Amino acid sequence: MSNVPVYMIVNLKVTDAETYKKYEKGFFPTLKKYQGQFVTFDDSPQTFEGSAPREGRIIMFQFPSEEKARAWYADSDYQALSEHRRAGTQLEFLTMVRGMPARG
C-alpha cells in the first residue's frame, strides 16, 4: 500500500505560544522535505457526538505514502524541532490514518 496517502491528525493545546512558534516556523520545510501537504487546523473544533470531545487545536496534514510519513517523523531535524512542540504544548495525540486506495 505504498501508493496510498496517509493523513496525520494532531490534537494539542498550546501552553507556551513563543516556544510553539519556534516549532511552527520550522515545521513547513520539514513537511515539504517529505512531500507532505498541510490540510488545515482549527482552534475551535466542534464535536457532534461522542463522550470525549476534543479541546485545543486540531491539525491535519498528509503525505503521499506511509513510508514518507514515517521518514518525516524519524528525521533527526524534525525530532530536534519537535522539542519546541513538546515544550510549548500539551499533546493529546499525533495519529497516522491511512487513506483509501485509488479506485478504478
PDB file of N, CA and C in Angstrom:
ATOM      1  N   MET A   1       0.816  -1.192   0.000  1.00  0.00           N
ATOM      2  CA  MET A   1       0.000   0.000   0.000  1.00  0.00           C
ATOM      3  C   MET A   1       0.860   1.257   0.000  1.00  0.00           C
ATOM      4  N   SER A   2       2.009   1.199  -0.640  1.00  0.00           N
ATOM      5  CA  SER A   2       2.913   2.341  -0.612  1.00  0.00           C
ATOM      6  C   SER A   2       2.402   3.530  -1.413  1.00  0.00           C
ATOM      7  N   ASN A   3       1.418   3.321  -2.289  1.00  0.00           N
ATOM      8  CA  ASN A   3       0.892   4.422  -3.078  1.00  0.00           C
ATOM      9  C   ASN A   3      -0.374   5.020  -2.463  1.00  0.00           C
ATOM     10  N   VAL A   4      -0.698   4.646  -1.240  1.00  0.00           N
ATOM     11  CA  VAL A   4      -1.883   5.153  -0.559  1.00  0.00           C
ATOM     12  C   VAL A   4      -1.467   6.327   0.327  1.00  0.00           C
ATOM     13  N   PRO A   5      -2.152   7.461   0.189  1.00  0.00           N
ATOM     14  CA  PRO A   5      -1.800   8.596   1.043  1.00  0.00           C
ATOM     15  C   PRO A   5      -2.139   8.317   2.498  1.00  0.00           C
ATOM     16  N   VAL A   6      -1.456   9.016   3.379  1.00  0.00           N
ATOM     17  CA  VAL A   6      -1.764   8.936   4.804  1.00  0.00           C
ATOM     18  C   VAL A   6      -2.006  10.345   5.321  1.00  0.00           C
ATOM     19  N   TYR A   7      -2.817  10.413   6.339  1.00  0.00           N
ATOM     20  CA  TYR A   7      -3.194  11.682   6.951  1.00  0.00           C
ATOM     21  C   TYR A   7      -2.738  11.683   8.397  1.00  0.00           C
ATOM     22  N   MET A   8      -2.163  12.783   8.812  1.00  0.00           N
ATOM     23  CA  MET A   8      -1.741  12.943  10.195  1.00  0.00           C
ATOM     24  C   MET A   8      -2.761  13.842  10.870  1.00  0.00           C
ATOM     25  N   ILE A   9      -3.260  13.396  12.004  1.00  0.00           N
ATOM     26  CA  ILE A   9      -4.230  14.163  12.770  1.00  0.00           C
ATOM     27  C   ILE A   9      -3.618  14.410  14.147  1.00  0.00           C
ATOM     28  N   VAL A  10      -3.616  15.657  14.538  1.00  0.00           N
ATOM     29  CA  VAL A  10      -2.963  16.078  15.771  1.00  0.00           C
ATOM     30  C   VAL A  10      -3.974  16.821  16.630  1.00  0.00           C
ATOM     31  N   ASN A  11      -3.921  16.589  17.927  1.00  0.00           N
ATOM     32  CA  ASN A  11      -4.702  17.381  18.872  1.00  0.00           C
ATOM     33  C   ASN A  11      -3.741  17.841  19.959  1.00  0.00           C
ATOM     34  N   LEU A  12      -3.667  19.143  20.138  1.00  0.00           N
ATOM     35  CA  LEU A  12      -2.777  19.693  21.157  1.00  0.00           C
ATOM     36  C   LEU A  12      -3.355  20.976  21.727  1.00  0.00           C
ATOM     37  N   LYS A  13      -2.839  21.347  22.870  1.00  0.00           N
ATOM     38  CA  LYS A  13      -3.178  22.623  23.495  1.00  0.00           C
ATOM     39  C   LYS A  13      -1.876  23.409  23.605  1.00  0.00           C
ATOM     40  N   VAL A  14      -1.866  24.609  23.070  1.00  0.00           N
ATOM     41  CA  VAL A  14      -0.680  25.456  23.146  1.00  0.00           C
ATOM     42  C   VAL A  14      -0.600  26.013  24.561  1.00  0.00           C
ATOM     43  N   THR A  15       0.525  25.756  25.226  1.00  0.00           N
ATOM     44  CA  THR A  15       0.728  26.229  26.594  1.00  0.00           C
ATOM     45  C   THR A  15       1.775  27.334  26.671  1.00  0.00           C
ATOM     46  N   ASP A  16       2.625  27.441  25.663  1.00  0.00           N
ATOM     47  CA  ASP A  16       3.649  28.486  25.586  1.00  0.00           C
ATOM     48  C   ASP A  16       3.757  28.905  24.118  1.00  0.00           C
ATOM     49  N   ALA A  17       3.058  29.978  23.772  1.00  0.00           N
ATOM     50  CA  ALA A  17       2.951  30.396  22.368  1.00  0.00           C
ATOM     51  C   ALA A  17       4.310  30.742  21.757  1.00  0.00           C
ATOM     52  N   GLU A  18       5.196  31.369  22.488  1.00  0.00           N
ATOM     53  CA  GLU A  18       6.503  31.745  21.946  1.00  0.00           C
ATOM     54  C   GLU A  18       7.342  30.514  21.605  1.00  0.00           C
ATOM     55  N   THR A  19       7.331  29.530  22.468  1.00  0.00           N
ATOM     56  CA  THR A  19       8.073  28.297  22.199  1.00  0.00           C
ATOM     57  C   THR A  19       7.451  27.543  21.033  1.00  0.00           C
ATOM     58  N   TYR A  20       6.126  27.486  20.988  1.00  0.00           N
ATOM     59  CA  TYR A  20       5.446  26.789  19.899  1.00  0.00           C
ATOM     60  C   TYR A  20       5.703  27.469  18.556  1.00  0.00           C
ATOM     61  N   LYS A  21       5.841  28.778  18.545  1.00  0.00           N
ATOM     62  CA  LYS A  21       6.130  29.498  17.292  1.00  0.00           C
ATOM     63  C   LYS A  21       7.454  29.034  16.681  1.00  0.00           C
ATOM     64  N   LYS A  22       8.416  28.671  17.507  1.00  0.00           N
ATOM     65  CA  LYS A  22       9.687  28.139  17.002  1.00  0.00           C
ATOM     66  C   LYS A  22       9.445  26.840  16.233  1.00  0.00           C
ATOM     67  N   TYR A  23       8.538  26.037  16.745  1.00  0.00           N
ATOM     68  CA  TYR A  23       8.176  24.791  16.063  1.00  0.00           C
ATOM     69  C   TYR A  23       7.463  25.102  14.755  1.00  0.00           C
ATOM     70  N   GLU A  24       6.469  25.978  14.812  1.00  0.00           N
ATOM     71  CA  GLU A  24       5.701  26.314  13.605  1.00  0.00           C
ATOM     72  C   GLU A  24       6.608  26.841  12.497  1.00  0.00           C
ATOM     73  N   LYS A  25       7.582  27.642  12.864  1.00  0.00           N
ATOM     74  CA  LYS A  25       8.487  28.245  11.883  1.00  0.00           C
ATOM     75  C   LYS A  25       9.270  27.194  11.102  1.00  0.00           C
ATOM     76  N   GLY A  26       9.678  26.126  11.746  1.00  0.00           N
ATOM     77  CA  GLY A  26      10.460  25.090  11.085  1.00  0.00           C
ATOM     78  C   GLY A  26       9.639  23.926  10.548  1.00  0.00           C
ATOM     79  N   PHE A  27       8.352  23.880  10.898  1.00  0.00           N
ATOM     80  CA  PHE A  27       7.518  22.740  10.529  1.00  0.00           C
ATOM     81  C   PHE A  27       7.341  22.588   9.023  1.00  0.00           C
ATOM     82  N   PHE A  28       7.020  23.672   8.328  1.00  0.00           N
ATOM     83  CA  PHE A  28       6.685  23.563   6.908  1.00  0.00           C
ATOM     84  C   PHE A  28       7.857  23.099   6.040  1.00  0.00           C
ATOM     85  N   PRO A  29       9.076  23.552   6.275  1.00  0.00           N
ATOM     86  CA  PRO A  29      10.189  22.995   5.491  1.00  0.00           C
ATOM     87  C   PRO A  29      10.376  21.488   5.703  1.00  0.00           C
ATOM     88  N   THR A  30      10.178  21.002   6.929  1.00  0.00           N
ATOM     89  CA  THR A  30      10.313  19.552   7.146  1.00  0.00           C
ATOM     90  C   THR A  30       9.176  18.799   6.476  1.00  0.00           C
ATOM     91  N   LEU A  31       7.996  19.388   6.469  1.00  0.00           N
ATOM     92  CA  LEU A  31       6.851  18.766   5.801  1.00  0.00           C
ATOM     93  C   LEU A  31       7.115  18.638   4.301  1.00  0.00           C
ATOM     94  N   LYS A  32       7.588  19.705   3.689  1.00  0.00           N
ATOM     95  CA  LYS A  32       7.856  19.703   2.242  1.00  0.00           C
ATOM     96  C   LYS A  32       8.977  18.739   1.869  1.00  0.00           C
ATOM     97  N   LYS A  33       9.941  18.587   2.767  1.00  0.00           N
ATOM     98  CA  LYS A  33      11.072  17.682   2.510  1.00  0.00           C
ATOM     99  C   LYS A  33      10.585  16.266   2.190  1.00  0.00           C
ATOM    100  N   TYR A  34       9.441  15.890   2.761  1.00  0.00           N
ATOM    101  CA  TYR A  34       8.889  14.546   2.561  1.00  0.00           C
ATOM    102  C   TYR A  34       7.590  14.579   1.744  1.00  0.00           C
ATOM    103  N   GLN A  35       7.441  15.620   0.943  1.00  0.00           N
ATOM    104  CA  GLN A  35       6.295  15.781   0.041  1.00  0.00           C
ATOM    105  C   GLN A  35       4.973  15.854   0.792  1.00  0.00           C
ATOM    106  N   GLY A  36       5.028  16.324   2.030  1.00  0.00           N
ATOM    107  CA  GLY A  36       3.812  16.494   2.809  1.00  0.00           C
ATOM    108  C   GLY A  36       3.068  17.751   2.413  1.00  0.00           C
ATOM    109  N   GLN A  37       1.783  17.756   2.702  1.00  0.00           N
ATOM    110  CA  GLN A  37       0.934  18.910   2.425  1.00  0.00           C
ATOM    111  C   GLN A  37       0.103  19.224   3.652  1.00  0.00           C
ATOM    112  N   PHE A  38       0.093  20.494   4.008  1.00  0.00           N
ATOM    113  CA  PHE A  38      -0.741  20.947   5.113  1.00  0.00           C
ATOM    114  C   PHE A  38      -2.186  20.985   4.643  1.00  0.00           C
ATOM    115  N   VAL A  39      -3.114  20.469   5.443  1.00  0.00           N
ATOM    116  CA  VAL A  39      -4.526  20.467   5.078  1.00  0.00           C
ATOM    117  C   VAL A  39      -5.258  21.593   5.803  1.00  0.00           C
ATOM    118  N   THR A  40      -5.241  21.590   7.137  1.00  0.00           N
ATOM    119  CA  THR A  40      -5.947  22.627   7.888  1.00  0.00           C
ATOM    120  C   THR A  40      -5.615  22.542   9.373  1.00  0.00           C
ATOM    121  N   PHE A  41      -6.062  23.554  10.108  1.00  0.00           N
ATOM    122  CA  PHE A  41      -6.062  23.489  11.565  1.00  0.00           C
ATOM    123  C   PHE A  41      -7.298  24.231  12.055  1.00  0.00           C
ATOM    124  N   ASP A  42      -7.727  23.917  13.268  1.00  0.00           N
ATOM    125  CA  ASP A  42      -8.903  24.562  13.843  1.00  0.00           C
ATOM    126  C   ASP A  42      -8.694  24.661  15.348  1.00  0.00           C
ATOM    127  N   ASP A  43      -8.790  25.881  15.861  1.00  0.00           N
ATOM    128  CA  ASP A  43      -8.662  26.085  17.306  1.00  0.00           C
ATOM    129  C   ASP A  43      -9.988  25.915  18.051  1.00  0.00           C
ATOM    130  N   SER A  44     -11.070  25.744  17.316  1.00  0.00           N
ATOM    131  CA  SER A  44     -12.389  25.571  17.934  1.00  0.00           C
ATOM    132  C   SER A  44     -13.165  24.452  17.242  1.00  0.00           C
ATOM    133  N   PRO A  45     -12.640  23.215  17.273  1.00  0.00           N
ATOM    134  CA  PRO A  45     -13.357  22.120  16.607  1.00  0.00           C
ATOM    135  C   PRO A  45     -14.693  21.857  17.295  1.00  0.00           C
ATOM    136  N   GLN A  46     -15.666  21.429  16.518  1.00  0.00           N
ATOM    137  CA  GLN A  46     -16.999  21.137  17.033  1.00  0.00           C
ATOM    138  C   GLN A  46     -17.229  19.624  17.036  1.00  0.00           C
ATOM    139  N   THR A  47     -17.591  19.095  18.174  1.00  0.00           N
ATOM    140  CA  THR A  47     -17.892  17.674  18.309  1.00  0.00           C
ATOM    141  C   THR A  47     -19.397  17.480  18.257  1.00  0.00           C
ATOM    142  N   PHE A  48     -19.866  16.671  17.333  1.00  0.00           N
ATOM    143  CA  PHE A  48     -21.301  16.404  17.212  1.00  0.00           C
ATOM    144  C   PHE A  48     -21.746  15.246  18.092  1.00  0.00           C
ATOM    145  N   GLU A  49     -20.884  14.254  18.247  1.00  0.00           N
ATOM    146  CA  GLU A  49     -21.222  13.097  19.067  1.00  0.00           C
ATOM    147  C   GLU A  49     -19.972  12.590  19.758  1.00  0.00           C
ATOM    148  N   GLY A  50     -20.174  11.831  20.805  1.00  0.00           N
ATOM    149  CA  GLY A  50     -19.058  11.189  21.496  1.00  0.00           C
ATOM    150  C   GLY A  50     -18.917  11.675  22.918  1.00  0.00           C
ATOM    151  N   SER A  51     -18.237  10.855  23.712  1.00  0.00           N
ATOM    152  CA  SER A  51     -18.103  11.157  25.134  1.00  0.00           C
ATOM    153  C   SER A  51     -16.817  11.893  25.469  1.00  0.00           C
ATOM    154  N   ALA A  52     -15.947  12.089  24.501  1.00  0.00           N
ATOM    155  CA  ALA A  52     -14.666  12.754  24.770  1.00  0.00           C
ATOM    156  C   ALA A  52     -14.395  13.821  23.711  1.00  0.00           C
ATOM    157  N   PRO A  53     -15.128  14.942  23.760  1.00  0.00           N
ATOM    158  CA  PRO A  53     -14.872  15.989  22.764  1.00  0.00           C
ATOM    159  C   PRO A  53     -13.449  16.522  22.887  1.00  0.00           C
ATOM    160  N   ARG A  54     -12.882  16.878  21.772  1.00  0.00           N
ATOM    161  CA  ARG A  54     -11.515  17.383  21.728  1.00  0.00           C
ATOM    162  C   ARG A  54     -11.486  18.854  22.109  1.00  0.00           C
ATOM    163  N   GLU A  55     -10.531  19.206  22.929  1.00  0.00           N
ATOM    164  CA  GLU A  55     -10.283  20.604  23.260  1.00  0.00           C
ATOM    165  C   GLU A  55      -8.949  20.986  22.645  1.00  0.00           C
ATOM    166  N   GLY A  56      -8.755  22.267  22.400  1.00  0.00           N
ATOM    167  CA  GLY A  56      -7.489  22.726  21.846  1.00  0.00           C
ATOM    168  C   GLY A  56      -7.519  22.721  20.337  1.00  0.00           C
ATOM    169  N   ARG A  57      -6.357  22.610  19.755  1.00  0.00           N
ATOM    170  CA  ARG A  57      -6.169  22.718  18.305  1.00  0.00           C
ATOM    171  C   ARG A  57      -6.157  21.336  17.667  1.00  0.00           C
ATOM    172  N   ILE A  58      -6.881  21.210  16.562  1.00  0.00           N
ATOM    173  CA  ILE A  58      -6.811  20.023  15.711  1.00  0.00           C
ATOM    174  C   ILE A  58      -6.053  20.437  14.453  1.00  0.00           C
ATOM    175  N   ILE A  59      -5.083  19.628  14.056  1.00  0.00           N
ATOM    176  CA  ILE A  59      -4.251  19.907  12.885  1.00  0.00           C
ATOM    177  C   ILE A  59      -4.299  18.681  11.981  1.00  0.00           C
ATOM    178  N   MET A  60      -4.398  18.918  10.674  1.00  0.00           N
ATOM    179  CA  MET A  60      -4.377  17.819   9.711  1.00  0.00           C
ATOM    180  C   MET A  60      -3.389  18.137   8.594  1.00  0.00           C
ATOM    181  N   PHE A  61      -2.562  17.134   8.262  1.00  0.00           N
ATOM    182  CA  PHE A  61      -1.681  17.239   7.107  1.00  0.00           C
ATOM    183  C   PHE A  61      -1.529  15.856   6.512  1.00  0.00           C
ATOM    184  N   GLN A  62      -0.979  15.774   5.320  1.00  0.00           N
ATOM    185  CA  GLN A  62      -0.925  14.481   4.640  1.00  0.00           C
ATOM    186  C   GLN A  62       0.418  14.258   3.973  1.00  0.00           C
ATOM    187  N   PHE A  63       0.690  12.986   3.727  1.00  0.00           N
ATOM    188  CA  PHE A  63       1.870  12.555   2.985  1.00  0.00           C
ATOM    189  C   PHE A  63       1.411  11.625   1.873  1.00  0.00           C
ATOM    190  N   PRO A  64       2.189  11.497   0.802  1.00  0.00           N
ATOM    191  CA  PRO A  64       1.786  10.633  -0.300  1.00  0.00           C
ATOM    192  C   PRO A  64       1.853   9.141   0.026  1.00  0.00           C
ATOM    193  N   SER A  65       2.551   8.788   1.119  1.00  0.00           N
ATOM    194  CA  SER A  65       2.672   7.377   1.485  1.00  0.00           C
ATOM    195  C   SER A  65       3.024   7.251   2.961  1.00  0.00           C
ATOM    196  N   GLU A  66       2.800   6.057   3.479  1.00  0.00           N
ATOM    197  CA  GLU A  66       3.182   5.772   4.865  1.00  0.00           C
ATOM    198  C   GLU A  66       4.697   5.872   5.033  1.00  0.00           C
ATOM    199  N   GLU A  67       5.438   5.429   4.026  1.00  0.00           N
ATOM    200  CA  GLU A  67       6.902   5.494   4.102  1.00  0.00           C
ATOM    201  C   GLU A  67       7.385   6.934   4.274  1.00  0.00           C
ATOM    202  N   LYS A  68       6.779   7.863   3.521  1.00  0.00           N
ATOM    203  CA  LYS A  68       7.162   9.283   3.637  1.00  0.00           C
ATOM    204  C   LYS A  68       6.811   9.823   5.019  1.00  0.00           C
ATOM    205  N   ALA A  69       5.652   9.440   5.535  1.00  0.00           N
ATOM    206  CA  ALA A  69       5.231   9.901   6.859  1.00  0.00           C
ATOM    207  C   ALA A  69       6.185   9.392   7.936  1.00  0.00           C
ATOM    208  N   ARG A  70       6.537   8.126   7.858  1.00  0.00           N
ATOM    209  CA  ARG A  70       7.442   7.557   8.860  1.00  0.00           C
ATOM    210  C   ARG A  70       8.845   8.161   8.755  1.00  0.00           C
ATOM    211  N   ALA A  71       9.287   8.416   7.525  1.00  0.00           N
ATOM    212  CA  ALA A  71      10.602   9.049   7.333  1.00  0.00           C
ATOM    213  C   ALA A  71      10.598  10.470   7.893  1.00  0.00           C
ATOM    214  N   TRP A  72       9.504  11.212   7.677  1.00  0.00           N
ATOM    215  CA  TRP A  72       9.384  12.565   8.234  1.00  0.00           C
ATOM    216  C   TRP A  72       9.480  12.520   9.751  1.00  0.00           C
ATOM    217  N   TYR A  73       8.718  11.629  10.367  1.00  0.00           N
ATOM    218  CA  TYR A  73       8.705  11.568  11.822  1.00  0.00           C
ATOM    219  C   TYR A  73      10.062  11.148  12.391  1.00  0.00           C
ATOM    220  N   ALA A  74      10.755  10.269  11.702  1.00  0.00           N
ATOM    221  CA  ALA A  74      12.059   9.773  12.174  1.00  0.00           C
ATOM    222  C   ALA A  74      13.210  10.724  11.855  1.00  0.00           C
ATOM    223  N   ASP A  75      12.985  11.704  11.008  1.00  0.00           N
ATOM    224  CA  ASP A  75      14.034  12.626  10.588  1.00  0.00           C
ATOM    225  C   ASP A  75      14.648  13.333  11.799  1.00  0.00           C
ATOM    226  N   SER A  76      15.968  13.316  11.901  1.00  0.00           N
ATOM    227  CA  SER A  76      16.636  13.909  13.062  1.00  0.00           C
ATOM    228  C   SER A  76      16.383  15.412  13.165  1.00  0.00           C
ATOM    229  N   ASP A  77      16.284  16.114  12.032  1.00  0.00           N
ATOM    230  CA  ASP A  77      15.972  17.540  12.076  1.00  0.00           C
ATOM    231  C   ASP A  77      14.565  17.770  12.614  1.00  0.00           C
ATOM    232  N   TYR A  78      13.610  16.934  12.179  1.00  0.00           N
ATOM    233  CA  TYR A  78      12.255  17.081  12.703  1.00  0.00           C
ATOM    234  C   TYR A  78      12.218  16.756  14.196  1.00  0.00           C
ATOM    235  N   GLN A  79      12.900  15.708  14.610  1.00  0.00           N
ATOM    236  CA  GLN A  79      12.882  15.349  16.024  1.00  0.00           C
ATOM    237  C   GLN A  79      13.476  16.463  16.886  1.00  0.00           C
ATOM    238  N   ALA A  80      14.530  17.103  16.399  1.00  0.00           N
ATOM    239  CA  ALA A  80      15.109  18.237  17.137  1.00  0.00           C
ATOM    240  C   ALA A  80      14.098  19.383  17.205  1.00  0.00           C
ATOM    241  N   LEU A  81      13.455  19.670  16.092  1.00  0.00           N
ATOM    242  CA  LEU A  81      12.452  20.726  16.034  1.00  0.00           C
ATOM    243  C   LEU A  81      11.270  20.413  16.946  1.00  0.00           C
ATOM    244  N   SER A  82      10.863  19.160  16.994  1.00  0.00           N
ATOM    245  CA  SER A  82       9.683  18.787  17.765  1.00  0.00           C
ATOM    246  C   SER A  82       9.863  19.000  19.269  1.00  0.00           C
ATOM    247  N   GLU A  83      11.091  19.181  19.710  1.00  0.00           N
ATOM    248  CA  GLU A  83      11.307  19.504  21.127  1.00  0.00           C
ATOM    249  C   GLU A  83      10.610  20.813  21.489  1.00  0.00           C
ATOM    250  N   HIS A  84      10.536  21.750  20.537  1.00  0.00           N
ATOM    251  CA  HIS A  84       9.806  23.005  20.780  1.00  0.00           C
ATOM    252  C   HIS A  84       8.310  22.735  20.921  1.00  0.00           C
ATOM    253  N   ARG A  85       7.785  21.812  20.117  1.00  0.00           N
ATOM    254  CA  ARG A  85       6.371  21.452  20.261  1.00  0.00           C
ATOM    255  C   ARG A  85       6.126  20.791  21.607  1.00  0.00           C
ATOM    256  N   ARG A  86       7.000  19.905  21.971  1.00  0.00           N
ATOM    257  CA  ARG A  86       6.842  19.214  23.258  1.00  0.00           C
ATOM    258  C   ARG A  86       6.898  20.193  24.425  1.00  0.00           C
ATOM    259  N   ALA A  87       7.784  21.196  24.321  1.00  0.00           N
ATOM    260  CA  ALA A  87       7.936  22.169  25.402  1.00  0.00           C
ATOM    261  C   ALA A  87       6.813  23.205  25.420  1.00  0.00           C
ATOM    262  N   GLY A  88       6.199  23.473  24.262  1.00  0.00           N
ATOM    263  CA  GLY A  88       5.218  24.546  24.174  1.00  0.00           C
ATOM    264  C   GLY A  88       3.771  24.113  24.087  1.00  0.00           C
ATOM    265  N   THR A  89       3.529  22.797  24.172  1.00  0.00           N
ATOM    266  CA  THR A  89       2.154  22.307  24.070  1.00  0.00           C
ATOM    267  C   THR A  89       1.923  21.134  25.003  1.00  0.00           C
ATOM    268  N   GLN A  90       0.654  20.840  25.174  1.00  0.00           N
ATOM    269  CA  GLN A  90       0.237  19.580  25.786  1.00  0.00           C
ATOM    270  C   GLN A  90      -0.334  18.766  24.641  1.00  0.00           C
ATOM    271  N   LEU A  91       0.391  17.768  24.195  1.00  0.00           N
ATOM    272  CA  LEU A  91      -0.030  16.944  23.064  1.00  0.00           C
ATOM    273  C   LEU A  91      -0.981  15.850  23.537  1.00  0.00           C
ATOM    274  N   GLU A  92      -2.155  15.818  22.927  1.00  0.00           N
ATOM    275  CA  GLU A  92      -3.107  14.743  23.215  1.00  0.00           C
ATOM    276  C   GLU A  92      -2.823  13.553  22.316  1.00  0.00           C
ATOM    277  N   PHE A  93      -2.618  13.814  21.012  1.00  0.00           N
ATOM    278  CA  PHE A  93      -2.249  12.732  20.113  1.00  0.00           C
ATOM    279  C   PHE A  93      -1.680  13.279  18.814  1.00  0.00           C
ATOM    280  N   LEU A  94      -0.854  12.458  18.178  1.00  0.00           N
ATOM    281  CA  LEU A  94      -0.335  12.630  16.820  1.00  0.00           C
ATOM    282  C   LEU A  94      -0.556  11.271  16.184  1.00  0.00           C
ATOM    283  N   THR A  95      -1.570  11.174  15.318  1.00  0.00           N
ATOM    284  CA  THR A  95      -2.041   9.891  14.813  1.00  0.00           C
ATOM    285  C   THR A  95      -1.964   9.839  13.297  1.00  0.00           C
ATOM    286  N   MET A  96      -1.505   8.716  12.758  1.00  0.00           N
ATOM    287  CA  MET A  96      -1.488   8.500  11.316  1.00  0.00           C
ATOM    288  C   MET A  96      -2.713   7.669  10.939  1.00  0.00           C
ATOM    289  N   VAL A  97      -3.429   8.140   9.903  1.00  0.00           N
ATOM    290  CA  VAL A  97      -4.608   7.448   9.383  1.00  0.00           C
ATOM    291  C   VAL A  97      -4.353   7.158   7.911  1.00  0.00           C
ATOM    292  N   ARG A  98      -4.470   5.908   7.527  1.00  0.00           N
ATOM    293  CA  ARG A  98      -4.229   5.538   6.119  1.00  0.00           C
ATOM    294  C   ARG A  98      -5.431   5.905   5.258  1.00  0.00           C
ATOM    295  N   GLY A  99      -5.139   6.446   4.076  1.00  0.00           N
ATOM    296  CA  GLY A  99      -6.190   6.797   3.127  1.00  0.00           C
ATOM    297  C   GLY A  99      -6.671   5.563   2.375  1.00  0.00           C
ATOM    298  N   MET A 100      -7.658   5.773   1.563  1.00  0.00           N
ATOM    299  CA  MET A 100      -8.216   4.688   0.751  1.00  0.00           C
ATOM    300  C   MET A 100      -7.418   4.578  -0.551  1.00  0.00           C
ATOM    301  N   PRO A 101      -7.190   3.354  -1.032  1.00  0.00           N
ATOM    302  CA  PRO A 101      -6.521   3.202  -2.326  1.00  0.00           C
ATOM    303  C   PRO A 101      -7.403   3.765  -3.436  1.00  0.00           C
ATOM    304  N   ALA A 102      -6.753   4.206  -4.502  1.00  0.00           N
ATOM    305  CA  ALA A 102      -7.492   4.733  -5.651  1.00  0.00           C
ATOM    306  C   ALA A 102      -8.383   3.652  -6.228  1.00  0.00           C
ATOM    307  N   ARG A 103      -9.557   4.049  -6.635  1.00  0.00           N
ATOM    308  CA  ARG A 103     -10.489   3.107  -7.260  1.00  0.00           C
ATOM    309  C   ARG A 103     -10.343   3.210  -8.770  1.00  0.00           C
ATOM    310  N   GLY A 104     -10.568   2.147  -9.407  1.00  0.00           N
ATOM    311  CA  GLY A 104     -10.549   2.282 -10.835  1.00  0.00           C
ATOM    312  C   GLY A 104     -10.033   1.129 -11.548  1.00  0.00           C
TER     313      GLY A 104
END
